[in-house]
Amino acid sequence: MVEKFAHRSFKLWEYVITFQQLLIRSQKTINEPTNVDIVFFATSYIEIPTGEGLFKLLRPTLEECNRAKFVLAKKVESESIFILERDLKRFMVVAASYKVIEDERDFWDSPLQTFRMGQK
């Protein structure tokens, strides 16, 4: 589903430490009437630049899996490693899962608020 939004520009938007939730957002514009949010759950490692840019969500290489194991000092399943590629540079997120949400929320509204309250 992320490929559908490959033309959109994303940036690090919010991280909630106590819930280990990471939000990367492509904000709505005049030409794009919806936000696209990528929410990562049970996030244990984040390596993302703060600026906005075109990201591709990719699977990790064996080298990146080994790096995650080294950085976190424990075995990490490749299914928990997500690679965000921008300008041929690869950035790692380690999380249990992710969800893509497309909505029309206001600038300050966050889907993390909804998840914190136990709603879906």
C-alpha atoms as a PDB file:
ATOM      1  CA  MET A   1       0.000   0.000   0.000  1.00  0.00           C
ATOM      2  CA  VAL A   2       2.910   2.382   0.628  1.00  0.00           C
ATOM      3  CA  GLU A   3       3.828   2.278  -3.071  1.00  0.00           C
ATOM      4  CA  LYS A   4       0.541   4.043  -3.788  1.00  0.00           C
ATOM      5  CA  PHE A   5       1.984   7.114  -2.078  1.00  0.00           C
ATOM      6  CA  ALA A   6       5.484   7.045  -3.595  1.00  0.00           C
ATOM      7  CA  HIS A   7       4.955  10.524  -5.102  1.00  0.00           C
ATOM      8  CA  ARG A   8       4.223  12.030  -1.657  1.00  0.00           C
ATOM      9  CA  SER A   9       6.799  13.742   0.530  1.00  0.00           C
ATOM     10  CA  PHE A  10       7.030  12.429   4.125  1.00  0.00           C
ATOM     11  CA  LYS A  11       8.706  13.625   7.288  1.00  0.00           C
ATOM     12  CA  LEU A  12       9.174  12.588  10.882  1.00  0.00           C
ATOM     13  CA  TRP A  13       6.093  13.961  12.608  1.00  0.00           C
ATOM     14  CA  GLU A  14       5.746  12.551  16.122  1.00  0.00           C
ATOM     15  CA  TYR A  15       7.163   9.970  18.504  1.00  0.00           C
ATOM     16  CA  VAL A  16       5.484   8.935  21.744  1.00  0.00           C
ATOM     17  CA  ILE A  17       8.111   7.411  24.009  1.00  0.00           C
ATOM     18  CA  THR A  18       5.745   5.823  26.536  1.00  0.00           C
ATOM     19  CA  PHE A  19       3.816   3.980  23.815  1.00  0.00           C
ATOM     20  CA  GLN A  20       6.772   3.473  21.450  1.00  0.00           C
ATOM     21  CA  GLN A  21       4.724   4.816  18.552  1.00  0.00           C
ATOM     22  CA  LEU A  22       6.318   6.636  15.630  1.00  0.00           C
ATOM     23  CA  LEU A  23       4.405   8.755  13.141  1.00  0.00           C
ATOM     24  CA  ILE A  24       5.784   9.682   9.721  1.00  0.00           C
ATOM     25  CA  ARG A  25       3.412  11.962   7.821  1.00  0.00           C
ATOM     26  CA  SER A  26       2.807  13.286   4.351  1.00  0.00           C
ATOM     27  CA  GLN A  27       0.735  16.340   5.124  1.00  0.00           C
ATOM     28  CA  LYS A  28      -2.304  17.260   3.050  1.00  0.00           C
ATOM     29  CA  THR A  29      -1.936  20.159   0.614  1.00  0.00           C
ATOM     30  CA  ILE A  30      -4.078  21.983  -1.915  1.00  0.00           C
ATOM     31  CA  ASN A  31      -3.175  19.317  -4.493  1.00  0.00           C
ATOM     32  CA  GLU A  32      -3.321  16.388  -2.033  1.00  0.00           C
ATOM     33  CA  PRO A  33      -6.515  16.629   0.073  1.00  0.00           C
ATOM     34  CA  THR A  34      -5.531  13.874   2.513  1.00  0.00           C
ATOM     35  CA  ASN A  35      -2.764  13.187   4.994  1.00  0.00           C
ATOM     36  CA  VAL A  36      -0.924   9.905   4.653  1.00  0.00           C
ATOM     37  CA  ASP A  37       0.366   8.640   7.989  1.00  0.00           C
ATOM     38  CA  ILE A  38       2.712   5.720   8.508  1.00  0.00           C
ATOM     39  CA  VAL A  39       2.427   4.642  12.137  1.00  0.00           C
ATOM     40  CA  PHE A  40       5.005   2.250  13.587  1.00  0.00           C
ATOM     41  CA  PHE A  41       4.124   0.289  16.743  1.00  0.00           C
ATOM     42  CA  ALA A  42       6.453  -0.996  19.475  1.00  0.00           C
ATOM     43  CA  THR A  43       9.284   1.041  17.968  1.00  0.00           C
ATOM     44  CA  SER A  44      12.673   0.212  19.468  1.00  0.00           C
ATOM     45  CA  TYR A  45      15.049   2.039  17.104  1.00  0.00           C
ATOM     46  CA  ILE A  46      14.712   5.131  14.920  1.00  0.00           C
ATOM     47  CA  GLU A  47      17.232   6.411  12.400  1.00  0.00           C
ATOM     48  CA  ILE A  48      15.456   9.065  10.345  1.00  0.00           C
ATOM     49  CA  PRO A  49      16.459  12.571   9.257  1.00  0.00           C
ATOM     50  CA  THR A  50      14.046  15.271  10.397  1.00  0.00           C
ATOM     51  CA  GLY A  51      13.661  17.017   7.045  1.00  0.00           C
ATOM     52  CA  GLU A  52      10.935  16.368   4.541  1.00  0.00           C
ATOM     53  CA  GLY A  53      11.520  14.224   1.473  1.00  0.00           C
ATOM     54  CA  LEU A  54      10.365  11.419  -0.757  1.00  0.00           C
ATOM     55  CA  PHE A  55      10.718   8.126   1.103  1.00  0.00           C
ATOM     56  CA  LYS A  56      10.420   4.570  -0.118  1.00  0.00           C
ATOM     57  CA  LEU A  57       9.575   1.907   2.465  1.00  0.00           C
ATOM     58  CA  LEU A  58      11.778  -1.123   1.780  1.00  0.00           C
ATOM     59  CA  ARG A  59      12.830  -4.442   3.297  1.00  0.00           C
ATOM     60  CA  PRO A  60      16.295  -4.659   4.924  1.00  0.00           C
ATOM     61  CA  THR A  61      19.394  -6.218   3.452  1.00  0.00           C
ATOM     62  CA  LEU A  62      21.320  -8.874   5.377  1.00  0.00           C
ATOM     63  CA  GLU A  63      23.876  -6.208   6.307  1.00  0.00           C
ATOM     64  CA  GLU A  64      21.121  -4.008   7.756  1.00  0.00           C
ATOM     65  CA  CYS A  65      19.739  -6.952   9.744  1.00  0.00           C
ATOM     66  CA  ASN A  66      23.197  -7.509  11.205  1.00  0.00           C
ATOM     67  CA  ARG A  67      23.528  -3.798  11.997  1.00  0.00           C
ATOM     68  CA  ALA A  68      20.175  -3.828  13.838  1.00  0.00           C
ATOM     69  CA  LYS A  69      21.359  -6.812  15.877  1.00  0.00           C
ATOM     70  CA  PHE A  70      24.604  -4.987  16.718  1.00  0.00           C
ATOM     71  CA  VAL A  71      22.957  -1.650  17.584  1.00  0.00           C
ATOM     72  CA  LEU A  72      20.241  -3.201  19.764  1.00  0.00           C
ATOM     73  CA  ALA A  73      22.533  -5.912  21.162  1.00  0.00           C
ATOM     74  CA  LYS A  74      19.921  -8.607  20.545  1.00  0.00           C
ATOM     75  CA  LYS A  75      18.490 -10.733  17.753  1.00  0.00           C
ATOM     76  CA  VAL A  76      16.055  -8.762  15.583  1.00  0.00           C
ATOM     77  CA  GLU A  77      13.724 -10.480  13.122  1.00  0.00           C
ATOM     78  CA  SER A  78      13.947  -9.043   9.610  1.00  0.00           C
ATOM     79  CA  GLU A  79      10.140  -8.566   9.640  1.00  0.00           C
ATOM     80  CA  SER A  80      10.662  -5.949  12.375  1.00  0.00           C
ATOM     81  CA  ILE A  81      13.189  -3.926  10.381  1.00  0.00           C
ATOM     82  CA  PHE A  82      11.863  -1.263   8.032  1.00  0.00           C
ATOM     83  CA  ILE A  83      14.092   0.733   5.713  1.00  0.00           C
ATOM     84  CA  LEU A  84      13.161   4.229   4.601  1.00  0.00           C
ATOM     85  CA  GLU A  85      15.140   5.221   1.522  1.00  0.00           C
ATOM     86  CA  ARG A  86      15.581   8.841   0.487  1.00  0.00           C
ATOM     87  CA  ASP A  87      18.048  10.130  -2.108  1.00  0.00           C
ATOM     88  CA  LEU A  88      19.674   6.666  -2.223  1.00  0.00           C
ATOM     89  CA  LYS A  89      20.378   6.845   1.534  1.00  0.00           C
ATOM     90  CA  ARG A  90      18.811   4.181   3.736  1.00  0.00           C
ATOM     91  CA  PHE A  91      17.480   4.811   7.240  1.00  0.00           C
ATOM     92  CA  MET A  92      16.331   2.137   9.657  1.00  0.00           C
ATOM     93  CA  VAL A  93      13.290   1.795  11.898  1.00  0.00           C
ATOM     94  CA  VAL A  94      12.881  -1.270  14.105  1.00  0.00           C
ATOM     95  CA  ALA A  95       9.282  -1.837  15.158  1.00  0.00           C
ATOM     96  CA  ALA A  96       6.839  -4.701  15.676  1.00  0.00           C
ATOM     97  CA  SER A  97       4.527  -3.507  12.900  1.00  0.00           C
ATOM     98  CA  TYR A  98       3.215  -0.529  10.983  1.00  0.00           C
ATOM     99  CA  LYS A  99      -0.058   0.770   9.599  1.00  0.00           C
ATOM    100  CA  VAL A 100      -0.750   3.233   6.759  1.00  0.00           C
ATOM    101  CA  ILE A 101      -3.629   5.644   7.386  1.00  0.00           C
ATOM    102  CA  GLU A 102      -5.050   8.073   4.862  1.00  0.00           C
ATOM    103  CA  ASP A 103      -7.337  10.730   6.344  1.00  0.00           C
ATOM    104  CA  GLU A 104      -8.301  14.398   6.368  1.00  0.00           C
ATOM    105  CA  ARG A 105      -7.189  15.267   9.918  1.00  0.00           C
ATOM    106  CA  ASP A 106      -6.204  18.805  10.793  1.00  0.00           C
ATOM    107  CA  PHE A 107      -2.523  19.778  11.042  1.00  0.00           C
ATOM    108  CA  TRP A 108      -2.250  19.135  14.806  1.00  0.00           C
ATOM    109  CA  ASP A 109      -4.463  16.041  14.959  1.00  0.00           C
ATOM    110  CA  SER A 110      -2.589  12.820  15.443  1.00  0.00           C
ATOM    111  CA  PRO A 111      -3.685   9.221  14.933  1.00  0.00           C
ATOM    112  CA  LEU A 112      -1.432   8.387  17.865  1.00  0.00           C
ATOM    113  CA  GLN A 113      -3.981  10.092  20.113  1.00  0.00           C
ATOM    114  CA  THR A 114      -6.569   7.590  18.873  1.00  0.00           C
ATOM    115  CA  PHE A 115      -4.296   4.606  19.451  1.00  0.00           C
ATOM    116  CA  ARG A 116      -3.415   5.827  22.954  1.00  0.00           C
ATOM    117  CA  MET A 117      -7.101   5.893  23.830  1.00  0.00           C
ATOM    118  CA  GLY A 118      -7.522   2.296  22.695  1.00  0.00           C
ATOM    119  CA  GLN A 119      -9.609   3.107  19.626  1.00  0.00           C
ATOM    120  CA  LYS A 120      -8.974   1.838  16.113  1.00  0.00           C
END
